[in-house]
Amino acid sequence: WLKKRLVAEFIGPVPPLAGDPPGAMSTPTAPAALPNVRVGVAAMILRPRQGVSCHGLPAVSDVECLIGERKGSHGAGTLALPGGHLEAGEGWAHCAARELHEETGIDTPTDAWRCAFVSNDVMEEGRKHYITVFMECDARLLPGSLMRLPEPRTMEPDKCKGWTWMTVEDLRKEPNKRLFLPMKHFLEAAVTGAWRPLRGIDAVHISGEHDMDPPPKRPRTGSPPPPNSR
């Protein structure tokens, strides 16, 4: 009774629900909870497509990337890059290298990764919301270059059907329903020129605490400044 009285005073009368006796008041129904926004990192390792020998910055048509078919999760049956959730305190490059290794068995140094594109992905009629950070790696610059690049292995067969190298043009030929939502947004960027291979975008993607040198200590008042501090 008290709860309904407070609702009437501070919110106003609410129409009775079915089953309430005549003259009764009902408390308003709380709106459905919004999803927590999560950060996903997509690991895009690029190499020249077959028959192309490119030097310097390649064109979109010159490269291919590693693509897998998702299983056992949202987006099952769609094509996507290797990737996963960013862990607390983790740098984007570390996440990309970790996810690529966990899913394909390919090892890459974290300093080989650069931020390439970011997409805002609301999935499953609003029940999931991701910010997807696309990190890219030039396979030509890896230790041993392309000659030492191993073939990808399906390390998590419960999550991925298998891996294959595909060009952007190959992906654009796929039916829309075969593309994971972040991949759709990425392909739109490739068409409009918002993404071009290995150009990168300005973004701070290190974790901060683990990947950066600590800031220099500030000198005490009256003491001389440290060398090269200006």
Protein backbone atom coordinates (compact mmCIF):
# COMPACT_ATOMS: atom_id res chain seq x y z
CA TRP A 1 0.00 0.00 0.00
CA LEU A 2 2.77 2.45 0.97
CA LYS A 3 4.67 1.78 -2.27
CA LYS A 4 1.58 2.52 -4.35
CA ARG A 5 0.89 5.68 -2.34
CA LEU A 6 4.43 6.96 -2.97
CA VAL A 7 4.12 6.19 -6.67
CA ALA A 8 0.87 8.15 -6.78
CA GLU A 9 2.41 11.16 -5.07
CA PHE A 10 5.76 11.34 -6.90
CA ILE A 11 5.08 9.75 -10.29
CA GLY A 12 1.34 10.18 -10.72
CA PRO A 13 -1.51 7.72 -11.16
CA VAL A 14 -0.81 4.68 -13.27
CA PRO A 15 -3.60 2.78 -15.06
CA PRO A 16 -4.49 -0.47 -13.26
CA LEU A 17 -3.14 -3.71 -14.61
CA ALA A 18 -5.37 -6.58 -15.60
CA GLY A 19 -6.57 -8.37 -12.47
CA ASP A 20 -6.36 -5.34 -10.15
CA PRO A 21 -9.55 -4.56 -8.27
CA PRO A 22 -11.49 -1.43 -9.28
CA GLY A 23 -9.78 1.77 -8.11
CA ALA A 24 -6.41 0.07 -7.59
CA MET A 25 -3.11 1.60 -8.72
CA SER A 26 -0.18 -0.26 -10.30
CA THR A 27 3.53 0.51 -10.12
CA PRO A 28 5.11 1.29 -13.49
CA THR A 29 7.01 -1.51 -15.16
CA ALA A 30 10.78 -0.95 -15.30
CA PRO A 31 12.17 -0.66 -18.85
CA ALA A 32 14.19 -3.59 -20.20
CA ALA A 33 17.82 -3.40 -19.12
CA LEU A 34 20.15 -2.08 -21.78
CA PRO A 35 23.13 -4.28 -22.68
CA ASN A 36 26.57 -3.51 -21.35
CA VAL A 37 28.76 -2.12 -24.12
CA ARG A 38 31.76 -4.39 -24.62
CA VAL A 39 34.98 -3.91 -26.55
CA GLY A 40 35.99 -6.48 -29.15
CA VAL A 41 39.31 -6.57 -30.98
CA ALA A 42 39.53 -7.93 -34.53
CA ALA A 43 42.98 -9.18 -35.60
CA MET A 44 43.47 -8.49 -39.31
CA ILE A 45 46.72 -9.97 -40.60
CA LEU A 46 47.35 -8.83 -44.18
CA ARG A 47 49.52 -10.33 -46.90
CA PRO A 48 49.78 -9.74 -50.67
CA ARG A 49 47.19 -11.79 -52.52
CA GLN A 50 48.37 -14.59 -54.75
CA GLY A 51 50.14 -13.35 -57.85
CA VAL A 52 50.80 -9.87 -56.48
CA SER A 53 54.20 -8.60 -55.40
CA CYS A 54 53.65 -5.25 -53.74
CA HIS A 55 56.16 -2.96 -52.12
CA GLY A 56 55.36 -0.05 -49.88
CA LEU A 57 51.71 0.72 -49.11
CA PRO A 58 49.38 -1.65 -51.00
CA ALA A 59 45.99 -0.92 -52.53
CA VAL A 60 42.84 -2.60 -51.23
CA SER A 61 42.88 -4.95 -54.25
CA ASP A 62 46.47 -6.05 -53.49
CA VAL A 63 45.92 -7.74 -50.12
CA GLU A 64 44.09 -10.62 -48.52
CA CYS A 65 43.29 -11.34 -44.88
CA LEU A 66 42.60 -14.38 -42.73
CA ILE A 67 38.88 -15.11 -42.39
CA GLY A 68 36.99 -17.76 -40.43
CA GLU A 69 33.39 -18.93 -40.09
CA ARG A 70 31.99 -18.42 -36.59
CA LYS A 71 30.47 -21.26 -34.57
CA GLY A 72 28.74 -21.63 -31.23
CA SER A 73 28.16 -17.95 -30.46
CA HIS A 74 26.28 -14.91 -31.73
CA GLY A 75 26.92 -14.54 -35.43
CA ALA A 76 27.27 -18.29 -35.93
CA GLY A 77 27.62 -19.13 -39.62
CA THR A 78 28.99 -15.71 -40.54
CA LEU A 79 32.46 -14.76 -41.76
CA ALA A 80 34.72 -12.79 -39.44
CA LEU A 81 38.32 -12.00 -38.57
CA PRO A 82 40.09 -13.66 -35.65
CA GLY A 83 39.40 -11.75 -32.48
CA GLY A 84 37.69 -11.57 -29.13
CA HIS A 85 37.03 -9.52 -26.02
CA LEU A 86 39.50 -6.96 -24.74
CA GLU A 87 40.48 -7.92 -21.20
CA ALA A 88 40.72 -5.39 -18.37
CA GLY A 89 44.09 -3.61 -18.43
CA GLU A 90 45.04 -5.09 -21.81
CA GLY A 91 46.45 -3.13 -24.75
CA TRP A 92 44.74 -3.46 -28.12
CA ALA A 93 47.87 -4.79 -29.81
CA HIS A 94 48.41 -7.37 -27.08
CA CYS A 95 44.79 -8.47 -27.43
CA ALA A 96 45.12 -8.83 -31.22
CA ALA A 97 48.33 -10.86 -30.93
CA ARG A 98 46.84 -13.03 -28.16
CA GLU A 99 43.58 -13.73 -30.00
CA LEU A 100 45.37 -14.52 -33.28
CA HIS A 101 47.63 -17.00 -31.49
CA GLU A 102 44.79 -18.61 -29.52
CA GLU A 103 42.62 -19.05 -32.61
CA THR A 104 45.12 -19.77 -35.40
CA GLY A 105 48.43 -20.71 -33.75
CA ILE A 106 50.22 -17.82 -35.50
CA ASP A 107 52.61 -15.85 -33.29
CA THR A 108 53.13 -12.13 -33.86
CA PRO A 109 54.94 -9.47 -31.82
CA THR A 110 52.70 -6.83 -30.30
CA ASP A 111 54.67 -4.02 -31.97
CA ALA A 112 53.60 -5.38 -35.38
CA TRP A 113 50.01 -4.24 -34.80
CA ARG A 114 48.43 -0.88 -35.61
CA CYS A 115 44.89 0.43 -35.18
CA ALA A 116 43.14 0.46 -38.56
CA PHE A 117 39.41 1.05 -38.04
CA VAL A 118 36.75 1.17 -35.31
CA SER A 119 33.10 0.22 -35.70
CA ASN A 120 30.00 0.62 -33.55
CA ASP A 121 28.06 -2.66 -33.67
CA VAL A 122 24.58 -3.08 -32.17
CA MET A 123 23.57 -6.72 -32.67
CA GLU A 124 20.61 -9.02 -32.14
CA GLU A 125 17.99 -6.25 -32.10
CA GLY A 126 19.86 -4.31 -29.44
CA ARG A 127 20.55 -7.19 -27.07
CA LYS A 128 24.31 -6.94 -27.72
CA HIS A 129 26.41 -3.84 -28.28
CA TYR A 130 30.10 -3.90 -29.18
CA ILE A 131 32.75 -1.38 -30.04
CA THR A 132 35.02 -3.33 -32.40
CA VAL A 133 38.62 -2.21 -32.77
CA PHE A 134 40.23 -3.47 -35.98
CA MET A 135 43.97 -4.00 -35.55
CA GLU A 136 46.06 -4.77 -38.63
CA CYS A 137 49.43 -6.44 -39.09
CA ASP A 138 51.64 -6.44 -42.20
CA ALA A 139 52.73 -10.06 -42.63
CA ARG A 140 55.66 -8.90 -44.79
CA LEU A 141 57.29 -7.34 -41.73
CA LEU A 142 57.00 -10.33 -39.41
CA PRO A 143 60.18 -12.21 -38.40
CA GLY A 144 61.13 -14.36 -41.38
CA SER A 145 58.77 -12.41 -43.66
CA LEU A 146 56.14 -14.23 -45.74
CA MET A 147 58.36 -17.28 -46.28
CA ARG A 148 58.12 -18.11 -42.56
CA LEU A 149 54.43 -17.32 -42.11
CA PRO A 150 52.82 -20.59 -40.93
CA GLU A 151 49.53 -21.90 -42.22
CA PRO A 152 46.67 -21.13 -39.81
CA ARG A 153 45.34 -23.95 -37.65
CA THR A 154 41.82 -24.24 -36.27
CA MET A 155 42.78 -24.06 -32.60
CA GLU A 156 39.22 -23.62 -31.31
CA PRO A 157 37.02 -25.89 -33.44
CA ASP A 158 34.04 -25.22 -31.18
CA LYS A 159 34.20 -21.52 -32.11
CA CYS A 160 35.43 -21.56 -35.72
CA LYS A 161 34.77 -23.84 -38.67
CA GLY A 162 38.14 -23.11 -40.30
CA TRP A 163 40.41 -20.40 -41.70
CA THR A 164 41.02 -19.22 -45.23
CA TRP A 165 42.67 -16.24 -46.94
CA MET A 166 40.20 -13.92 -48.68
CA THR A 167 40.44 -10.58 -50.47
CA VAL A 168 38.10 -7.67 -49.81
CA GLU A 169 36.56 -8.32 -53.21
CA ASP A 170 35.93 -11.97 -52.25
CA LEU A 171 34.16 -10.84 -49.09
CA ARG A 172 32.05 -8.29 -50.94
CA LYS A 173 30.72 -11.09 -53.16
CA GLU A 174 29.37 -12.97 -50.14
CA PRO A 175 25.64 -12.67 -49.31
CA ASN A 176 24.96 -10.04 -46.67
CA LYS A 177 23.66 -12.65 -44.21
CA ARG A 178 27.03 -14.43 -44.39
CA LEU A 179 28.92 -11.46 -42.95
CA PHE A 180 29.38 -10.75 -39.24
CA LEU A 181 28.12 -7.23 -38.47
CA PRO A 182 31.58 -5.72 -37.75
CA MET A 183 32.75 -7.21 -41.07
CA LYS A 184 29.88 -5.49 -42.88
CA HIS A 185 30.92 -2.17 -41.39
CA PHE A 186 34.55 -2.81 -42.30
CA LEU A 187 33.67 -3.59 -45.92
CA GLU A 188 31.63 -0.38 -46.14
CA ALA A 189 34.72 1.50 -44.97
CA ALA A 190 36.85 -0.25 -47.60
CA VAL A 191 34.42 0.79 -50.33
CA THR A 192 34.17 4.42 -49.22
CA GLY A 193 37.91 4.77 -48.62
CA ALA A 194 37.57 5.20 -44.85
CA TRP A 195 39.89 2.17 -44.58
CA ARG A 196 42.93 1.58 -46.74
CA PRO A 197 45.51 -1.12 -46.01
CA LEU A 198 48.26 -0.33 -43.51
CA ARG A 199 47.60 3.41 -43.27
CA GLY A 200 46.44 3.15 -39.65
CA ILE A 201 44.62 5.78 -37.64
CA ASP A 202 45.75 7.86 -34.69
CA ALA A 203 44.81 6.02 -31.52
CA VAL A 204 46.44 5.26 -28.20
CA HIS A 205 46.09 1.49 -27.95
CA ILE A 206 48.66 0.51 -25.33
CA SER A 207 47.40 -0.59 -21.95
CA GLY A 208 49.13 2.25 -20.17
CA GLU A 209 50.48 0.59 -17.06
CA HIS A 210 52.28 -2.38 -18.61
CA ASP A 211 53.44 -1.07 -21.98
CA MET A 212 54.66 2.41 -21.17
CA ASP A 213 57.71 3.63 -19.32
CA PRO A 214 56.76 5.30 -16.04
CA PRO A 215 56.66 9.11 -16.20
CA PRO A 216 59.78 10.85 -14.88
CA LYS A 217 59.63 11.91 -11.26
CA ARG A 218 59.07 15.60 -10.76
CA PRO A 219 62.01 17.31 -9.02
CA ARG A 220 61.52 18.59 -5.52
CA THR A 221 61.20 22.33 -5.05
CA GLY A 222 64.64 23.94 -5.05
CA SER A 223 66.48 20.95 -6.52
CA PRO A 224 68.03 21.15 -10.01
CA PRO A 225 65.98 19.69 -12.87
CA PRO A 226 66.99 16.27 -14.23
CA PRO A 227 69.16 16.21 -17.41
CA ASN A 228 67.29 16.71 -20.70
CA SER A 229 64.12 17.62 -18.87
CA ARG A 230 63.50 20.63 -21.08
